[in-house]
Amino acid sequence: MVLYHLIKKAVAIRKCLERNKKDKDSKFRLILVESRIHKLTLLLQQD
């Protein structure tokens, strides 16, 4: 469930970035969310 919400948030941030390409805060937040998604998928694969 957490992974679903993180992916949903990343998609929303990407849509925002399509409209506002110079939004540096959104770019930074997208990097954080995508790294969290990556860490979570690695953790779930170990189980």
PDB file of N, CA and C in Angstrom:
ATOM      1  N   MET A   1       0.824  -1.193   0.000  1.00  0.00           N
ATOM      2  CA  MET A   1       0.000   0.000   0.000  1.00  0.00           C
ATOM      3  C   MET A   1       0.869   1.257   0.000  1.00  0.00           C
ATOM      4  N   VAL A   2       1.950   1.215   0.759  1.00  0.00           N
ATOM      5  CA  VAL A   2       2.846   2.374   0.815  1.00  0.00           C
ATOM      6  C   VAL A   2       3.491   2.607  -0.547  1.00  0.00           C
ATOM      7  N   LEU A   3       3.888   1.525  -1.191  1.00  0.00           N
ATOM      8  CA  LEU A   3       4.531   1.638  -2.504  1.00  0.00           C
ATOM      9  C   LEU A   3       3.584   2.270  -3.522  1.00  0.00           C
ATOM     10  N   TYR A   4       2.322   1.873  -3.472  1.00  0.00           N
ATOM     11  CA  TYR A   4       1.318   2.438  -4.383  1.00  0.00           C
ATOM     12  C   TYR A   4       1.216   3.951  -4.212  1.00  0.00           C
ATOM     13  N   HIS A   5       1.170   4.406  -2.967  1.00  0.00           N
ATOM     14  CA  HIS A   5       1.036   5.842  -2.709  1.00  0.00           C
ATOM     15  C   HIS A   5       2.292   6.610  -3.112  1.00  0.00           C
ATOM     16  N   LEU A   6       3.453   6.002  -2.943  1.00  0.00           N
ATOM     17  CA  LEU A   6       4.686   6.666  -3.374  1.00  0.00           C
ATOM     18  C   LEU A   6       4.725   6.812  -4.893  1.00  0.00           C
ATOM     19  N   ILE A   7       4.303   5.771  -5.594  1.00  0.00           N
ATOM     20  CA  ILE A   7       4.277   5.841  -7.058  1.00  0.00           C
ATOM     21  C   ILE A   7       3.263   6.883  -7.516  1.00  0.00           C
ATOM     22  N   LYS A   8       2.120   6.916  -6.842  1.00  0.00           N
ATOM     23  CA  LYS A   8       1.087   7.900  -7.169  1.00  0.00           C
ATOM     24  C   LYS A   8       1.612   9.322  -6.963  1.00  0.00           C
ATOM     25  N   LYS A   9       2.364   9.524  -5.875  1.00  0.00           N
ATOM     26  CA  LYS A   9       2.939  10.839  -5.595  1.00  0.00           C
ATOM     27  C   LYS A   9       3.978  11.213  -6.650  1.00  0.00           C
ATOM     28  N   ALA A  10       4.800  10.241  -7.065  1.00  0.00           N
ATOM     29  CA  ALA A  10       5.821  10.505  -8.083  1.00  0.00           C
ATOM     30  C   ALA A  10       5.177  10.896  -9.412  1.00  0.00           C
ATOM     31  N   VAL A  11       4.085  10.241  -9.762  1.00  0.00           N
ATOM     32  CA  VAL A  11       3.380  10.573 -11.005  1.00  0.00           C
ATOM     33  C   VAL A  11       2.817  11.986 -10.926  1.00  0.00           C
ATOM     34  N   ALA A  12       2.274  12.355  -9.775  1.00  0.00           N
ATOM     35  CA  ALA A  12       1.718  13.700  -9.603  1.00  0.00           C
ATOM     36  C   ALA A  12       2.814  14.759  -9.716  1.00  0.00           C
ATOM     37  N   ILE A  13       3.976  14.474  -9.149  1.00  0.00           N
ATOM     38  CA  ILE A  13       5.088  15.429  -9.223  1.00  0.00           C
ATOM     39  C   ILE A  13       5.571  15.555 -10.662  1.00  0.00           C
ATOM     40  N   ARG A  14       5.607  14.432 -11.392  1.00  0.00           N
ATOM     41  CA  ARG A  14       6.022  14.486 -12.805  1.00  0.00           C
ATOM     42  C   ARG A  14       5.057  15.327 -13.637  1.00  0.00           C
ATOM     43  N   LYS A  15       3.761  15.200 -13.362  1.00  0.00           N
ATOM     44  CA  LYS A  15       2.775  16.025 -14.069  1.00  0.00           C
ATOM     45  C   LYS A  15       3.022  17.499 -13.774  1.00  0.00           C
ATOM     46  N   CYS A  16       3.307  17.801 -12.522  1.00  0.00           N
ATOM     47  CA  CYS A  16       3.591  19.182 -12.120  1.00  0.00           C
ATOM     48  C   CYS A  16       4.829  19.696 -12.845  1.00  0.00           C
ATOM     49  N   LEU A  17       5.831  18.840 -12.988  1.00  0.00           N
ATOM     50  CA  LEU A  17       7.066  19.250 -13.656  1.00  0.00           C
ATOM     51  C   LEU A  17       6.873  19.444 -15.159  1.00  0.00           C
ATOM     52  N   GLU A  18       5.908  18.744 -15.743  1.00  0.00           N
ATOM     53  CA  GLU A  18       5.625  18.967 -17.164  1.00  0.00           C
ATOM     54  C   GLU A  18       5.114  20.387 -17.387  1.00  0.00           C
ATOM     55  N   ARG A  19       4.326  20.879 -16.431  1.00  0.00           N
ATOM     56  CA  ARG A  19       3.779  22.232 -16.551  1.00  0.00           C
ATOM     57  C   ARG A  19       4.798  23.290 -16.141  1.00  0.00           C
ATOM     58  N   ASN A  20       5.581  22.993 -15.094  1.00  0.00           N
ATOM     59  CA  ASN A  20       6.547  23.960 -14.559  1.00  0.00           C
ATOM     60  C   ASN A  20       7.940  23.348 -14.583  1.00  0.00           C
ATOM     61  N   LYS A  21       8.621  23.481 -15.689  1.00  0.00           N
ATOM     62  CA  LYS A  21       9.921  22.824 -15.862  1.00  0.00           C
ATOM     63  C   LYS A  21      11.006  23.400 -14.957  1.00  0.00           C
ATOM     64  N   LYS A  22      10.844  24.633 -14.515  1.00  0.00           N
ATOM     65  CA  LYS A  22      11.884  25.264 -13.698  1.00  0.00           C
ATOM     66  C   LYS A  22      11.652  25.104 -12.195  1.00  0.00           C
ATOM     67  N   ASP A  23      10.665  24.319 -11.824  1.00  0.00           N
ATOM     68  CA  ASP A  23      10.338  24.135 -10.408  1.00  0.00           C
ATOM     69  C   ASP A  23      11.383  23.235  -9.753  1.00  0.00           C
ATOM     70  N   LYS A  24      12.369  23.859  -9.130  1.00  0.00           N
ATOM     71  CA  LYS A  24      13.492  23.107  -8.560  1.00  0.00           C
ATOM     72  C   LYS A  24      13.077  22.289  -7.340  1.00  0.00           C
ATOM     73  N   ASP A  25      12.141  22.805  -6.554  1.00  0.00           N
ATOM     74  CA  ASP A  25      11.702  22.073  -5.368  1.00  0.00           C
ATOM     75  C   ASP A  25      11.024  20.760  -5.766  1.00  0.00           C
ATOM     76  N   SER A  26      10.202  20.811  -6.807  1.00  0.00           N
ATOM     77  CA  SER A  26       9.536  19.585  -7.265  1.00  0.00           C
ATOM     78  C   SER A  26      10.542  18.580  -7.809  1.00  0.00           C
ATOM     79  N   LYS A  27      11.565  19.066  -8.493  1.00  0.00           N
ATOM     80  CA  LYS A  27      12.611  18.162  -8.991  1.00  0.00           C
ATOM     81  C   LYS A  27      13.296  17.454  -7.827  1.00  0.00           C
ATOM     82  N   PHE A  28      13.597  18.226  -6.782  1.00  0.00           N
ATOM     83  CA  PHE A  28      14.249  17.667  -5.603  1.00  0.00           C
ATOM     84  C   PHE A  28      13.343  16.647  -4.919  1.00  0.00           C
ATOM     85  N   ARG A  29      12.061  16.997  -4.758  1.00  0.00           N
ATOM     86  CA  ARG A  29      11.109  16.081  -4.114  1.00  0.00           C
ATOM     87  C   ARG A  29      10.936  14.805  -4.935  1.00  0.00           C
ATOM     88  N   LEU A  30      10.955  14.941  -6.255  1.00  0.00           N
ATOM     89  CA  LEU A  30      10.829  13.763  -7.118  1.00  0.00           C
ATOM     90  C   LEU A  30      12.012  12.823  -6.912  1.00  0.00           C
ATOM     91  N   ILE A  31      13.196  13.379  -6.794  1.00  0.00           N
ATOM     92  CA  ILE A  31      14.384  12.557  -6.542  1.00  0.00           C
ATOM     93  C   ILE A  31      14.235  11.809  -5.222  1.00  0.00           C
ATOM     94  N   LEU A  32      13.747  12.509  -4.190  1.00  0.00           N
ATOM     95  CA  LEU A  32      13.572  11.868  -2.882  1.00  0.00           C
ATOM     96  C   LEU A  32      12.530  10.745  -2.941  1.00  0.00           C
ATOM     97  N   VAL A  33      11.410  11.014  -3.594  1.00  0.00           N
ATOM     98  CA  VAL A  33      10.342  10.011  -3.672  1.00  0.00           C
ATOM     99  C   VAL A  33      10.801   8.806  -4.482  1.00  0.00           C
ATOM    100  N   GLU A  34      11.493   9.053  -5.601  1.00  0.00           N
ATOM    101  CA  GLU A  34      11.946   7.930  -6.426  1.00  0.00           C
ATOM    102  C   GLU A  34      13.002   7.099  -5.708  1.00  0.00           C
ATOM    103  N   SER A  35      13.851   7.734  -4.924  1.00  0.00           N
ATOM    104  CA  SER A  35      14.840   6.954  -4.180  1.00  0.00           C
ATOM    105  C   SER A  35      14.159   6.135  -3.089  1.00  0.00           C
ATOM    106  N   ARG A  36      13.108   6.686  -2.497  1.00  0.00           N
ATOM    107  CA  ARG A  36      12.354   5.944  -1.491  1.00  0.00           C
ATOM    108  C   ARG A  36      11.657   4.737  -2.121  1.00  0.00           C
ATOM    109  N   ILE A  37      11.125   4.927  -3.331  1.00  0.00           N
ATOM    110  CA  ILE A  37      10.491   3.823  -4.063  1.00  0.00           C
ATOM    111  C   ILE A  37      11.526   2.734  -4.334  1.00  0.00           C
ATOM    112  N   HIS A  38      12.711   3.149  -4.773  1.00  0.00           N
ATOM    113  CA  HIS A  38      13.774   2.182  -5.078  1.00  0.00           C
ATOM    114  C   HIS A  38      14.171   1.390  -3.835  1.00  0.00           C
ATOM    115  N   LYS A  39      14.359   2.084  -2.709  1.00  0.00           N
ATOM    116  CA  LYS A  39      14.728   1.408  -1.463  1.00  0.00           C
ATOM    117  C   LYS A  39      13.648   0.425  -1.026  1.00  0.00           C
ATOM    118  N   LEU A  40      12.390   0.851  -1.154  1.00  0.00           N
ATOM    119  CA  LEU A  40      11.287   0.004  -0.722  1.00  0.00           C
ATOM    120  C   LEU A  40      11.168  -1.245  -1.593  1.00  0.00           C
ATOM    121  N   THR A  41      11.377  -1.100  -2.903  1.00  0.00           N
ATOM    122  CA  THR A  41      11.300  -2.273  -3.782  1.00  0.00           C
ATOM    123  C   THR A  41      12.425  -3.259  -3.475  1.00  0.00           C
ATOM    124  N   LEU A  42      13.610  -2.734  -3.168  1.00  0.00           N
ATOM    125  CA  LEU A  42      14.708  -3.633  -2.797  1.00  0.00           C
ATOM    126  C   LEU A  42      14.379  -4.380  -1.511  1.00  0.00           C
ATOM    127  N   LEU A  43      13.785  -3.682  -0.557  1.00  0.00           N
ATOM    128  CA  LEU A  43      13.414  -4.289   0.716  1.00  0.00           C
ATOM    129  C   LEU A  43      12.340  -5.355   0.514  1.00  0.00           C
ATOM    130  N   LEU A  44      11.365  -5.062  -0.335  1.00  0.00           N
ATOM    131  CA  LEU A  44      10.281  -6.019  -0.578  1.00  0.00           C
ATOM    132  C   LEU A  44      10.767  -7.236  -1.358  1.00  0.00           C
ATOM    133  N   GLN A  45      11.778  -7.071  -2.208  1.00  0.00           N
ATOM    134  CA  GLN A  45      12.312  -8.204  -2.960  1.00  0.00           C
ATOM    135  C   GLN A  45      13.066  -9.163  -2.050  1.00  0.00           C
ATOM    136  N   GLN A  46      13.637  -8.655  -0.972  1.00  0.00           N
ATOM    137  CA  GLN A  46      14.383  -9.513  -0.053  1.00  0.00           C
ATOM    138  C   GLN A  46      13.456 -10.446   0.721  1.00  0.00           C
ATOM    139  N   ASP A  47      12.226 -10.001   0.950  1.00  0.00           N
ATOM    140  CA  ASP A  47      11.284 -10.812   1.744  1.00  0.00           C
ATOM    141  C   ASP A  47      10.783 -11.979   1.002  1.00  0.00           C
TER     142      ASP A  47
END
